[in-house]
Amino acid sequence: MDASNPLNTPPLTMANRFRGFLPVVVDVETGGFDCGKHALLEIAAVTLRFDEAGQLRPHDSAHAHVVPAEGMEIDPKSLEVTGIQLDHPFRLAKPERDALEHVFALVREEVRTQNCQRAILVGHNAHFDLGFVNAAVARSKHKRNPFHPFSVFDTVTLAGVALGQTVLARAVQAVGVEWDSKAAHSALYDAERTADVFCTLVNRWGPPRLDQAQTR
């Protein structure tokens, strides 16, 4: 028997903490609210890992600006909010399928590395992000989407219960992280701050009794 582990509980891993799923934080910037008609303009993903102390931390990231898919609409009001300049010479946008693959490749690699079955999207209003991801996957006929098709971890719900806050900026500040309003509405920045909220709340909750959870 290991004296440091008298109950002989399994070590904490991403796979056993989240029942075989790999949480990956995703944020999208779009041309409107309707994933069926509005364009995907930007996508970012942040992977997570446990450190040596068993604390969940952001690990790596990938992001891409996206060329609006043919036939998709862009509401000018959405560009006012995000500040995206579609014709900016340094935007370096990728076609939709290439942008998805750029992000998905990182996620698939991490799923393999962490011995998980598949990724699960973490987002602030997560079904909004997942809707746009799934719509882009369908349009581009991408065959290697690593994310669960409908299950998510939503930080709006988690932050509302744990912090009494549902707005991302306020939730970020409530966990003790500075919020830069000038950087907001960048997919990568919002994904990174959402990751801060998710990791903080997971760490506050603590690990489950893995020896019991695996028998259920």
C-alpha atoms as a PDB file:
ATOM      1  CA  MET A   1       0.000   0.000   0.000  1.00  0.00           C
ATOM      2  CA  ASP A   2       1.181   3.518  -0.827  1.00  0.00           C
ATOM      3  CA  ALA A   3       1.463   5.408   2.468  1.00  0.00           C
ATOM      4  CA  SER A   4       0.730   8.674   0.690  1.00  0.00           C
ATOM      5  CA  ASN A   5      -2.437   7.192  -0.838  1.00  0.00           C
ATOM      6  CA  PRO A   6      -3.979   4.909   1.811  1.00  0.00           C
ATOM      7  CA  LEU A   7      -7.271   4.578  -0.081  1.00  0.00           C
ATOM      8  CA  ASN A   8      -5.378   3.543  -3.232  1.00  0.00           C
ATOM      9  CA  THR A   9      -7.404   6.006  -5.296  1.00  0.00           C
ATOM     10  CA  PRO A  10      -6.430   6.453  -8.953  1.00  0.00           C
ATOM     11  CA  PRO A  11      -4.314   9.500  -9.872  1.00  0.00           C
ATOM     12  CA  LEU A  12      -6.178  12.552 -11.102  1.00  0.00           C
ATOM     13  CA  THR A  13      -6.181  12.808 -14.903  1.00  0.00           C
ATOM     14  CA  MET A  14      -8.225  14.729 -17.424  1.00  0.00           C
ATOM     15  CA  ALA A  15      -9.833  11.483 -18.537  1.00  0.00           C
ATOM     16  CA  ASN A  16     -11.014  10.305 -15.116  1.00  0.00           C
ATOM     17  CA  ARG A  17     -11.907  13.785 -13.827  1.00  0.00           C
ATOM     18  CA  PHE A  18     -14.336  14.432 -16.686  1.00  0.00           C
ATOM     19  CA  ARG A  19     -15.540  10.904 -17.492  1.00  0.00           C
ATOM     20  CA  GLY A  20     -13.426  10.435 -20.593  1.00  0.00           C
ATOM     21  CA  PHE A  21     -14.041  13.898 -21.988  1.00  0.00           C
ATOM     22  CA  LEU A  22     -11.417  16.566 -22.584  1.00  0.00           C
ATOM     23  CA  PRO A  23     -12.755  20.048 -21.774  1.00  0.00           C
ATOM     24  CA  VAL A  24     -11.540  22.576 -24.340  1.00  0.00           C
ATOM     25  CA  VAL A  25     -12.504  26.232 -24.058  1.00  0.00           C
ATOM     26  CA  VAL A  26     -13.815  27.700 -27.317  1.00  0.00           C
ATOM     27  CA  ASP A  27     -14.925  31.150 -28.360  1.00  0.00           C
ATOM     28  CA  VAL A  28     -16.194  32.324 -31.731  1.00  0.00           C
ATOM     29  CA  GLU A  29     -16.777  35.746 -33.230  1.00  0.00           C
ATOM     30  CA  THR A  30     -19.509  35.855 -35.815  1.00  0.00           C
ATOM     31  CA  GLY A  31     -21.482  37.992 -38.213  1.00  0.00           C
ATOM     32  CA  GLY A  32     -24.648  37.730 -36.152  1.00  0.00           C
ATOM     33  CA  PHE A  33     -26.609  35.476 -33.834  1.00  0.00           C
ATOM     34  CA  ASP A  34     -28.021  32.888 -36.255  1.00  0.00           C
ATOM     35  CA  CYS A  35     -25.561  30.073 -36.986  1.00  0.00           C
ATOM     36  CA  GLY A  36     -27.682  29.037 -39.958  1.00  0.00           C
ATOM     37  CA  LYS A  37     -27.290  32.300 -41.837  1.00  0.00           C
ATOM     38  CA  HIS A  38     -24.539  34.389 -40.226  1.00  0.00           C
ATOM     39  CA  ALA A  39     -20.846  33.891 -40.982  1.00  0.00           C
ATOM     40  CA  LEU A  40     -18.190  32.494 -38.679  1.00  0.00           C
ATOM     41  CA  LEU A  41     -15.447  35.157 -38.548  1.00  0.00           C
ATOM     42  CA  GLU A  42     -13.030  33.982 -35.869  1.00  0.00           C
ATOM     43  CA  ILE A  43     -12.489  30.881 -33.734  1.00  0.00           C
ATOM     44  CA  ALA A  44     -10.158  30.117 -30.826  1.00  0.00           C
ATOM     45  CA  ALA A  45      -9.577  27.136 -28.558  1.00  0.00           C
ATOM     46  CA  VAL A  46      -7.671  26.824 -25.278  1.00  0.00           C
ATOM     47  CA  THR A  47      -6.631  23.411 -23.967  1.00  0.00           C
ATOM     48  CA  LEU A  48      -6.286  22.672 -20.255  1.00  0.00           C
ATOM     49  CA  ARG A  49      -4.123  20.421 -18.097  1.00  0.00           C
ATOM     50  CA  PHE A  50      -3.688  19.576 -14.429  1.00  0.00           C
ATOM     51  CA  ASP A  51      -0.434  20.790 -12.896  1.00  0.00           C
ATOM     52  CA  GLU A  52       1.643  18.827 -10.381  1.00  0.00           C
ATOM     53  CA  ALA A  53      -0.520  20.127  -7.533  1.00  0.00           C
ATOM     54  CA  GLY A  54      -3.706  18.888  -9.189  1.00  0.00           C
ATOM     55  CA  GLN A  55      -4.824  22.373 -10.226  1.00  0.00           C
ATOM     56  CA  LEU A  56      -6.442  22.823 -13.622  1.00  0.00           C
ATOM     57  CA  ARG A  57      -4.594  25.401 -15.750  1.00  0.00           C
ATOM     58  CA  PRO A  58      -4.709  26.713 -19.340  1.00  0.00           C
ATOM     59  CA  HIS A  59      -2.121  24.871 -21.406  1.00  0.00           C
ATOM     60  CA  ASP A  60      -2.065  25.712 -25.111  1.00  0.00           C
ATOM     61  CA  SER A  61      -4.152  27.564 -27.674  1.00  0.00           C
ATOM     62  CA  ALA A  62      -4.939  27.896 -31.351  1.00  0.00           C
ATOM     63  CA  HIS A  63      -6.960  30.516 -33.155  1.00  0.00           C
ATOM     64  CA  ALA A  64      -7.804  31.619 -36.657  1.00  0.00           C
ATOM     65  CA  HIS A  65      -9.521  34.435 -38.487  1.00  0.00           C
ATOM     66  CA  VAL A  66     -12.031  33.046 -40.943  1.00  0.00           C
ATOM     67  CA  VAL A  67     -12.967  34.064 -44.475  1.00  0.00           C
ATOM     68  CA  PRO A  68     -16.778  34.347 -44.459  1.00  0.00           C
ATOM     69  CA  ALA A  69     -18.239  31.308 -46.179  1.00  0.00           C
ATOM     70  CA  GLU A  70     -20.000  31.913 -49.466  1.00  0.00           C
ATOM     71  CA  GLY A  71     -23.651  32.867 -49.039  1.00  0.00           C
ATOM     72  CA  MET A  72     -23.378  33.654 -45.317  1.00  0.00           C
ATOM     73  CA  GLU A  73     -24.580  37.017 -44.037  1.00  0.00           C
ATOM     74  CA  ILE A  74     -22.837  39.586 -41.850  1.00  0.00           C
ATOM     75  CA  ASP A  75     -24.819  42.033 -39.752  1.00  0.00           C
ATOM     76  CA  PRO A  76     -22.900  45.350 -39.682  1.00  0.00           C
ATOM     77  CA  LYS A  77     -23.879  45.768 -36.033  1.00  0.00           C
ATOM     78  CA  SER A  78     -21.904  42.645 -35.154  1.00  0.00           C
ATOM     79  CA  LEU A  79     -18.752  44.182 -36.653  1.00  0.00           C
ATOM     80  CA  GLU A  80     -19.307  47.291 -34.540  1.00  0.00           C
ATOM     81  CA  VAL A  81     -19.291  45.109 -31.427  1.00  0.00           C
ATOM     82  CA  THR A  82     -16.309  42.926 -32.334  1.00  0.00           C
ATOM     83  CA  GLY A  83     -14.248  45.562 -34.114  1.00  0.00           C
ATOM     84  CA  ILE A  84     -13.407  43.051 -36.853  1.00  0.00           C
ATOM     85  CA  GLN A  85     -12.203  44.668 -40.091  1.00  0.00           C
ATOM     86  CA  LEU A  86     -12.777  42.093 -42.795  1.00  0.00           C
ATOM     87  CA  ASP A  87     -10.525  43.869 -45.294  1.00  0.00           C
ATOM     88  CA  HIS A  88      -7.637  44.519 -42.901  1.00  0.00           C
ATOM     89  CA  PRO A  89      -4.375  43.566 -44.690  1.00  0.00           C
ATOM     90  CA  PHE A  90      -2.993  41.804 -41.604  1.00  0.00           C
ATOM     91  CA  ARG A  91      -6.129  39.826 -40.783  1.00  0.00           C
ATOM     92  CA  LEU A  92      -4.641  36.782 -42.588  1.00  0.00           C
ATOM     93  CA  ALA A  93      -7.941  34.942 -42.610  1.00  0.00           C
ATOM     94  CA  LYS A  94      -8.186  31.285 -43.559  1.00  0.00           C
ATOM     95  CA  PRO A  95     -10.972  29.581 -45.532  1.00  0.00           C
ATOM     96  CA  GLU A  96     -13.531  28.114 -43.166  1.00  0.00           C
ATOM     97  CA  ARG A  97     -12.439  24.486 -43.481  1.00  0.00           C
ATOM     98  CA  ASP A  98      -8.757  25.365 -43.052  1.00  0.00           C
ATOM     99  CA  ALA A  99      -9.531  27.494 -39.995  1.00  0.00           C
ATOM    100  CA  LEU A 100     -11.457  24.642 -38.416  1.00  0.00           C
ATOM    101  CA  GLU A 101      -8.659  22.180 -39.127  1.00  0.00           C
ATOM    102  CA  HIS A 102      -6.062  24.541 -37.645  1.00  0.00           C
ATOM    103  CA  VAL A 103      -7.969  24.561 -34.351  1.00  0.00           C
ATOM    104  CA  PHE A 104      -9.192  20.958 -34.463  1.00  0.00           C
ATOM    105  CA  ALA A 105      -5.675  19.594 -35.009  1.00  0.00           C
ATOM    106  CA  LEU A 106      -4.557  20.941 -31.634  1.00  0.00           C
ATOM    107  CA  VAL A 107      -7.666  19.548 -29.952  1.00  0.00           C
ATOM    108  CA  ARG A 108      -7.329  16.084 -31.505  1.00  0.00           C
ATOM    109  CA  GLU A 109      -3.687  15.897 -30.455  1.00  0.00           C
ATOM    110  CA  GLU A 110      -4.581  16.806 -26.889  1.00  0.00           C
ATOM    111  CA  VAL A 111      -7.400  14.241 -26.807  1.00  0.00           C
ATOM    112  CA  ARG A 112      -4.851  11.564 -27.717  1.00  0.00           C
ATOM    113  CA  THR A 113      -2.219  12.864 -25.286  1.00  0.00           C
ATOM    114  CA  GLN A 114      -4.676  12.927 -22.387  1.00  0.00           C
ATOM    115  CA  ASN A 115      -6.150   9.494 -23.253  1.00  0.00           C
ATOM    116  CA  CYS A 116      -9.647  10.931 -23.569  1.00  0.00           C
ATOM    117  CA  GLN A 117     -12.441   9.687 -25.796  1.00  0.00           C
ATOM    118  CA  ARG A 118     -13.335  13.056 -27.289  1.00  0.00           C
ATOM    119  CA  ALA A 119     -13.374  16.767 -26.543  1.00  0.00           C
ATOM    120  CA  ILE A 120     -16.250  18.636 -24.953  1.00  0.00           C
ATOM    121  CA  LEU A 121     -16.707  22.340 -25.627  1.00  0.00           C
ATOM    122  CA  VAL A 122     -16.442  24.774 -22.725  1.00  0.00           C
ATOM    123  CA  GLY A 123     -17.862  28.194 -23.476  1.00  0.00           C
ATOM    124  CA  HIS A 124     -19.605  31.237 -22.103  1.00  0.00           C
ATOM    125  CA  ASN A 125     -23.076  30.640 -23.567  1.00  0.00           C
ATOM    126  CA  ALA A 126     -21.541  27.440 -24.863  1.00  0.00           C
ATOM    127  CA  HIS A 127     -24.394  26.322 -27.112  1.00  0.00           C
ATOM    128  CA  PHE A 128     -23.963  29.527 -29.125  1.00  0.00           C
ATOM    129  CA  ASP A 129     -20.324  28.640 -29.835  1.00  0.00           C
ATOM    130  CA  LEU A 130     -21.106  24.981 -30.476  1.00  0.00           C
ATOM    131  CA  GLY A 131     -23.905  25.935 -32.873  1.00  0.00           C
ATOM    132  CA  PHE A 132     -21.528  27.955 -35.026  1.00  0.00           C
ATOM    133  CA  VAL A 133     -18.854  25.255 -34.883  1.00  0.00           C
ATOM    134  CA  ASN A 134     -21.317  22.562 -35.915  1.00  0.00           C
ATOM    135  CA  ALA A 135     -22.755  24.736 -38.693  1.00  0.00           C
ATOM    136  CA  ALA A 136     -19.276  25.442 -40.082  1.00  0.00           C
ATOM    137  CA  VAL A 137     -18.398  21.746 -39.898  1.00  0.00           C
ATOM    138  CA  ALA A 138     -21.533  20.876 -41.864  1.00  0.00           C
ATOM    139  CA  ARG A 139     -20.930  23.580 -44.493  1.00  0.00           C
ATOM    140  CA  SER A 140     -17.306  22.671 -45.038  1.00  0.00           C
ATOM    141  CA  LYS A 141     -17.954  18.917 -44.853  1.00  0.00           C
ATOM    142  CA  HIS A 142     -15.196  18.560 -42.269  1.00  0.00           C
ATOM    143  CA  LYS A 143     -14.995  14.903 -41.214  1.00  0.00           C
ATOM    144  CA  ARG A 144     -12.768  15.122 -38.117  1.00  0.00           C
ATOM    145  CA  ASN A 145     -14.618  17.300 -35.645  1.00  0.00           C
ATOM    146  CA  PRO A 146     -13.259  16.286 -32.190  1.00  0.00           C
ATOM    147  CA  PHE A 147     -16.086  17.846 -30.180  1.00  0.00           C
ATOM    148  CA  HIS A 148     -19.152  16.161 -28.725  1.00  0.00           C
ATOM    149  CA  PRO A 149     -22.036  17.121 -31.026  1.00  0.00           C
ATOM    150  CA  PHE A 150     -24.377  18.475 -28.343  1.00  0.00           C
ATOM    151  CA  SER A 151     -22.973  18.278 -24.795  1.00  0.00           C
ATOM    152  CA  VAL A 152     -21.131  21.290 -23.359  1.00  0.00           C
ATOM    153  CA  PHE A 153     -19.809  22.814 -20.152  1.00  0.00           C
ATOM    154  CA  ASP A 154     -21.361  26.282 -19.905  1.00  0.00           C
ATOM    155  CA  THR A 155     -19.538  28.832 -17.761  1.00  0.00           C
ATOM    156  CA  VAL A 156     -22.619  31.067 -17.657  1.00  0.00           C
ATOM    157  CA  THR A 157     -24.337  28.412 -15.567  1.00  0.00           C
ATOM    158  CA  LEU A 158     -21.262  27.630 -13.496  1.00  0.00           C
ATOM    159  CA  ALA A 159     -20.469  31.278 -12.797  1.00  0.00           C
ATOM    160  CA  GLY A 160     -24.099  32.103 -12.085  1.00  0.00           C
ATOM    161  CA  VAL A 161     -24.271  29.389  -9.429  1.00  0.00           C
ATOM    162  CA  ALA A 162     -20.793  29.813  -7.937  1.00  0.00           C
ATOM    163  CA  LEU A 163     -20.226  33.548  -8.305  1.00  0.00           C
ATOM    164  CA  GLY A 164     -23.627  35.137  -8.778  1.00  0.00           C
ATOM    165  CA  GLN A 165     -22.383  36.526 -12.106  1.00  0.00           C
ATOM    166  CA  THR A 166     -23.411  35.607 -15.643  1.00  0.00           C
ATOM    167  CA  VAL A 167     -21.657  38.314 -17.704  1.00  0.00           C
ATOM    168  CA  LEU A 168     -18.177  37.138 -18.704  1.00  0.00           C
ATOM    169  CA  ALA A 169     -16.399  40.361 -17.718  1.00  0.00           C
ATOM    170  CA  ARG A 170     -17.914  40.286 -14.238  1.00  0.00           C
ATOM    171  CA  ALA A 171     -17.258  36.575 -13.790  1.00  0.00           C
ATOM    172  CA  VAL A 172     -13.610  37.087 -14.752  1.00  0.00           C
ATOM    173  CA  GLN A 173     -13.247  39.903 -12.231  1.00  0.00           C
ATOM    174  CA  ALA A 174     -15.039  37.820  -9.588  1.00  0.00           C
ATOM    175  CA  VAL A 175     -12.340  35.127  -9.820  1.00  0.00           C
ATOM    176  CA  GLY A 176      -9.635  37.754  -9.397  1.00  0.00           C
ATOM    177  CA  VAL A 177      -8.488  38.172 -12.999  1.00  0.00           C
ATOM    178  CA  GLU A 178      -8.165  41.562 -14.668  1.00  0.00           C
ATOM    179  CA  TRP A 179     -10.551  42.252 -17.541  1.00  0.00           C
ATOM    180  CA  ASP A 180      -9.345  44.361 -20.485  1.00  0.00           C
ATOM    181  CA  SER A 181     -12.411  45.760 -22.229  1.00  0.00           C
ATOM    182  CA  LYS A 182     -10.284  46.898 -25.179  1.00  0.00           C
ATOM    183  CA  ALA A 183      -9.121  43.333 -25.841  1.00  0.00           C
ATOM    184  CA  ALA A 184     -12.595  41.819 -25.400  1.00  0.00           C
ATOM    185  CA  HIS A 185     -14.467  40.381 -28.393  1.00  0.00           C
ATOM    186  CA  SER A 186     -11.309  38.823 -29.725  1.00  0.00           C
ATOM    187  CA  ALA A 187     -11.986  35.083 -29.861  1.00  0.00           C
ATOM    188  CA  LEU A 188      -8.626  34.224 -28.321  1.00  0.00           C
ATOM    189  CA  TYR A 189      -8.872  36.786 -25.519  1.00  0.00           C
ATOM    190  CA  ASP A 190     -12.419  35.752 -24.596  1.00  0.00           C
ATOM    191  CA  ALA A 191     -11.471  32.058 -24.715  1.00  0.00           C
ATOM    192  CA  GLU A 192      -8.485  32.681 -22.438  1.00  0.00           C
ATOM    193  CA  ARG A 193     -10.595  34.567 -19.898  1.00  0.00           C
ATOM    194  CA  THR A 194     -13.331  31.923 -20.061  1.00  0.00           C
ATOM    195  CA  ALA A 195     -10.618  29.350 -19.348  1.00  0.00           C
ATOM    196  CA  ASP A 196      -9.599  31.366 -16.271  1.00  0.00           C
ATOM    197  CA  VAL A 197     -13.166  31.225 -14.970  1.00  0.00           C
ATOM    198  CA  PHE A 198     -13.623  27.517 -15.709  1.00  0.00           C
ATOM    199  CA  CYS A 199     -10.299  26.492 -14.178  1.00  0.00           C
ATOM    200  CA  THR A 200     -10.894  28.570 -11.049  1.00  0.00           C
ATOM    201  CA  LEU A 201     -14.329  27.055 -10.468  1.00  0.00           C
ATOM    202  CA  VAL A 202     -13.141  23.495 -11.107  1.00  0.00           C
ATOM    203  CA  ASN A 203     -10.265  24.015  -8.685  1.00  0.00           C
ATOM    204  CA  ARG A 204     -12.556  25.469  -6.024  1.00  0.00           C
ATOM    205  CA  TRP A 205     -14.868  22.492  -6.311  1.00  0.00           C
ATOM    206  CA  GLY A 206     -11.995  20.067  -5.917  1.00  0.00           C
ATOM    207  CA  PRO A 207     -11.585  16.574  -7.338  1.00  0.00           C
ATOM    208  CA  PRO A 208     -14.377  14.016  -7.000  1.00  0.00           C
ATOM    209  CA  ARG A 209     -13.926  10.729  -5.164  1.00  0.00           C
ATOM    210  CA  LEU A 210     -12.502   8.993  -8.210  1.00  0.00           C
ATOM    211  CA  ASP A 211     -12.636   5.578  -6.607  1.00  0.00           C
ATOM    212  CA  GLN A 212     -16.387   5.940  -6.224  1.00  0.00           C
ATOM    213  CA  ALA A 213     -17.043   7.771  -9.488  1.00  0.00           C
ATOM    214  CA  GLN A 214     -15.472   5.010 -11.571  1.00  0.00           C
ATOM    215  CA  THR A 215     -17.852   2.407 -10.159  1.00  0.00           C
ATOM    216  CA  ARG A 216     -21.017   4.315 -11.094  1.00  0.00           C
END
